[in-house]
């Protein structure tokens, strides 16, 4: 997916334009064995907690699809 000028905005993990699954696969391929973190700036879930939970669910799904979790 290609970003449109002026259309950049926060999104939960898995819903934006970044290929996070590919990034996680590349980290695994390159032997990365340290931590990754989830920064919860997206607030589209209604409350900060719901937004964080939705982003974590998306990140977990991406990590599983990348076969690193």
N, C-alpha and C. Protein backbone atom coordinates (compact mmCIF):
# COMPACT_ATOMS: atom_id res chain seq x y z
N UNK A 1 0.85 -1.16 0.00
CA UNK A 1 0.00 0.00 0.00
C UNK A 1 0.90 1.23 0.00
N UNK A 2 0.54 2.21 -0.78
CA UNK A 2 1.35 3.42 -0.88
C UNK A 2 0.65 4.56 -0.17
N UNK A 3 1.44 5.34 0.59
CA UNK A 3 0.86 6.49 1.30
C UNK A 3 0.52 7.60 0.32
N UNK A 4 -0.57 8.27 0.59
CA UNK A 4 -0.98 9.43 -0.21
C UNK A 4 -0.51 10.68 0.51
N UNK A 5 -0.02 11.66 -0.20
CA UNK A 5 0.42 12.90 0.44
C UNK A 5 -0.68 13.48 1.33
N UNK A 6 -0.30 13.81 2.56
CA UNK A 6 -1.24 14.40 3.49
C UNK A 6 -2.18 13.42 4.16
N UNK A 7 -2.04 12.13 3.87
CA UNK A 7 -2.95 11.13 4.42
C UNK A 7 -2.33 10.35 5.58
N UNK A 8 -1.17 10.78 6.04
CA UNK A 8 -0.50 10.07 7.14
C UNK A 8 -1.29 10.25 8.43
N UNK A 9 -1.49 9.16 9.14
CA UNK A 9 -2.14 9.23 10.44
C UNK A 9 -1.80 7.97 11.22
N UNK A 10 -1.96 8.04 12.54
CA UNK A 10 -1.69 6.90 13.40
C UNK A 10 -2.69 5.79 13.09
N UNK A 11 -2.27 4.55 13.28
CA UNK A 11 -3.13 3.39 13.06
C UNK A 11 -2.69 2.28 14.00
N UNK A 12 -3.60 1.36 14.34
CA UNK A 12 -3.20 0.22 15.15
C UNK A 12 -2.28 -0.69 14.33
N UNK A 13 -1.50 -1.49 15.02
CA UNK A 13 -0.60 -2.43 14.34
C UNK A 13 -1.40 -3.30 13.38
N UNK A 14 -0.90 -3.39 12.15
CA UNK A 14 -1.53 -4.22 11.14
C UNK A 14 -2.53 -3.48 10.26
N UNK A 15 -2.87 -2.25 10.62
CA UNK A 15 -3.86 -1.52 9.84
C UNK A 15 -3.24 -0.37 9.05
N UNK A 16 -1.99 -0.09 9.27
CA UNK A 16 -1.35 1.03 8.58
C UNK A 16 -0.63 0.59 7.31
N UNK A 17 0.27 1.44 6.84
CA UNK A 17 0.96 1.18 5.58
C UNK A 17 2.31 0.48 5.76
N UNK A 18 2.76 0.31 6.99
CA UNK A 18 4.07 -0.32 7.23
C UNK A 18 3.93 -1.84 7.19
N UNK A 19 4.86 -2.50 6.52
CA UNK A 19 4.88 -3.96 6.45
C UNK A 19 5.57 -4.51 7.70
N UNK A 20 4.83 -4.49 8.83
CA UNK A 20 5.44 -4.95 10.07
C UNK A 20 5.77 -6.44 10.03
N UNK A 21 4.95 -7.24 9.39
CA UNK A 21 5.26 -8.67 9.29
C UNK A 21 6.60 -8.85 8.60
N UNK A 22 6.83 -8.13 7.52
CA UNK A 22 8.10 -8.20 6.81
C UNK A 22 9.26 -7.71 7.67
N UNK A 23 9.01 -6.67 8.46
CA UNK A 23 10.06 -6.17 9.35
C UNK A 23 10.43 -7.22 10.39
N UNK A 24 9.41 -7.86 10.97
CA UNK A 24 9.68 -8.89 11.97
C UNK A 24 10.39 -10.10 11.36
N UNK A 25 10.00 -10.47 10.15
CA UNK A 25 10.69 -11.56 9.45
C UNK A 25 12.17 -11.22 9.21
N UNK A 26 12.42 -9.99 8.82
CA UNK A 26 13.80 -9.55 8.56
C UNK A 26 14.62 -9.57 9.84
N UNK A 27 14.04 -9.14 10.95
CA UNK A 27 14.75 -9.18 12.22
C UNK A 27 15.12 -10.62 12.58
N UNK A 28 14.16 -11.54 12.39
CA UNK A 28 14.42 -12.95 12.67
C UNK A 28 15.51 -13.48 11.74
N UNK A 29 15.39 -13.20 10.46
CA UNK A 29 16.37 -13.66 9.47
C UNK A 29 17.78 -13.17 9.81
N UNK A 30 17.87 -11.94 10.31
CA UNK A 30 19.17 -11.35 10.62
C UNK A 30 19.69 -11.72 12.00
N UNK A 31 18.96 -12.58 12.72
CA UNK A 31 19.43 -13.08 14.01
C UNK A 31 19.16 -12.17 15.19
N UNK A 32 18.28 -11.19 15.05
CA UNK A 32 17.96 -10.30 16.16
C UNK A 32 17.27 -11.09 17.26
N UNK A 33 17.76 -10.97 18.48
CA UNK A 33 17.20 -11.74 19.59
C UNK A 33 16.90 -10.87 20.82
N UNK A 34 16.63 -9.63 20.59
CA UNK A 34 16.39 -8.73 21.72
C UNK A 34 14.93 -8.29 21.72
N UNK A 35 14.62 -7.28 22.47
CA UNK A 35 13.24 -6.83 22.65
C UNK A 35 12.76 -5.94 21.50
N UNK A 36 11.48 -5.94 21.33
CA UNK A 36 10.78 -4.94 20.53
C UNK A 36 9.73 -4.35 21.46
N UNK A 37 9.32 -3.13 21.20
CA UNK A 37 8.32 -2.53 22.07
C UNK A 37 7.18 -1.95 21.23
N UNK A 38 6.07 -1.78 21.87
CA UNK A 38 4.88 -1.22 21.25
C UNK A 38 4.65 0.16 21.85
N UNK A 39 4.78 1.18 21.03
CA UNK A 39 4.48 2.53 21.48
C UNK A 39 3.03 2.83 21.11
N UNK A 40 2.26 3.18 22.09
CA UNK A 40 0.81 3.26 21.90
C UNK A 40 0.35 4.71 21.70
N UNK A 41 0.72 5.29 20.57
CA UNK A 41 0.31 6.66 20.27
C UNK A 41 -1.06 6.71 19.60
N UNK A 42 -1.49 5.62 19.02
CA UNK A 42 -2.78 5.58 18.34
C UNK A 42 -3.89 5.62 19.39
N UNK A 43 -4.90 6.43 19.16
CA UNK A 43 -5.99 6.57 20.13
C UNK A 43 -7.35 6.34 19.50
N UNK A 44 -7.41 5.58 18.42
CA UNK A 44 -8.67 5.37 17.73
C UNK A 44 -9.57 4.30 18.33
N UNK A 45 -9.14 3.66 19.40
CA UNK A 45 -9.93 2.59 19.99
C UNK A 45 -10.96 3.05 21.00
N UNK A 46 -11.07 4.35 21.19
CA UNK A 46 -12.06 4.87 22.13
C UNK A 46 -11.44 5.35 23.43
N UNK A 47 -10.67 4.48 24.07
CA UNK A 47 -9.94 4.86 25.28
C UNK A 47 -8.48 4.47 25.09
N UNK A 48 -7.58 5.07 25.89
CA UNK A 48 -6.18 4.66 25.77
C UNK A 48 -5.98 3.16 25.98
N UNK A 49 -6.69 2.58 26.95
CA UNK A 49 -6.54 1.14 27.20
C UNK A 49 -7.03 0.32 26.02
N UNK A 50 -8.20 0.62 25.49
CA UNK A 50 -8.73 -0.13 24.35
C UNK A 50 -7.83 0.02 23.13
N UNK A 51 -7.30 1.22 22.93
CA UNK A 51 -6.39 1.46 21.80
C UNK A 51 -5.14 0.60 21.94
N UNK A 52 -4.58 0.58 23.15
CA UNK A 52 -3.37 -0.22 23.39
C UNK A 52 -3.64 -1.70 23.22
N UNK A 53 -4.78 -2.16 23.71
CA UNK A 53 -5.13 -3.58 23.57
C UNK A 53 -5.31 -3.97 22.10
N UNK A 54 -5.94 -3.09 21.33
CA UNK A 54 -6.13 -3.38 19.90
C UNK A 54 -4.80 -3.41 19.16
N UNK A 55 -3.92 -2.45 19.50
CA UNK A 55 -2.61 -2.44 18.85
C UNK A 55 -1.80 -3.67 19.25
N UNK A 56 -1.86 -4.07 20.53
CA UNK A 56 -1.12 -5.26 20.95
C UNK A 56 -1.67 -6.50 20.26
N UNK A 57 -2.98 -6.61 20.12
CA UNK A 57 -3.56 -7.76 19.41
C UNK A 57 -3.05 -7.80 17.97
N UNK A 58 -2.98 -6.65 17.32
CA UNK A 58 -2.46 -6.60 15.96
C UNK A 58 -0.99 -6.97 15.89
N UNK A 59 -0.21 -6.48 16.86
CA UNK A 59 1.22 -6.80 16.88
C UNK A 59 1.44 -8.29 17.13
N UNK A 60 0.68 -8.85 18.06
CA UNK A 60 0.80 -10.28 18.35
C UNK A 60 0.48 -11.12 17.11
N UNK A 61 -0.58 -10.74 16.39
CA UNK A 61 -0.94 -11.46 15.17
C UNK A 61 0.18 -11.37 14.13
N UNK A 62 0.77 -10.19 13.99
CA UNK A 62 1.86 -10.01 13.03
C UNK A 62 3.10 -10.82 13.42
N UNK A 63 3.41 -10.85 14.70
CA UNK A 63 4.55 -11.65 15.18
C UNK A 63 4.31 -13.13 14.91
N UNK A 64 3.07 -13.58 15.11
CA UNK A 64 2.73 -14.99 14.83
C UNK A 64 2.84 -15.28 13.35
N UNK A 65 2.31 -14.38 12.50
CA UNK A 65 2.39 -14.59 11.05
C UNK A 65 3.83 -14.61 10.57
N UNK A 66 4.69 -13.82 11.23
CA UNK A 66 6.11 -13.79 10.87
C UNK A 66 6.87 -14.96 11.47
N UNK A 67 6.17 -15.79 12.25
CA UNK A 67 6.74 -16.98 12.90
C UNK A 67 7.89 -16.63 13.84
N UNK A 68 7.70 -15.56 14.59
CA UNK A 68 8.71 -15.19 15.59
C UNK A 68 8.15 -15.27 17.00
N UNK A 69 6.88 -15.63 17.13
CA UNK A 69 6.25 -15.74 18.45
C UNK A 69 5.64 -17.13 18.58
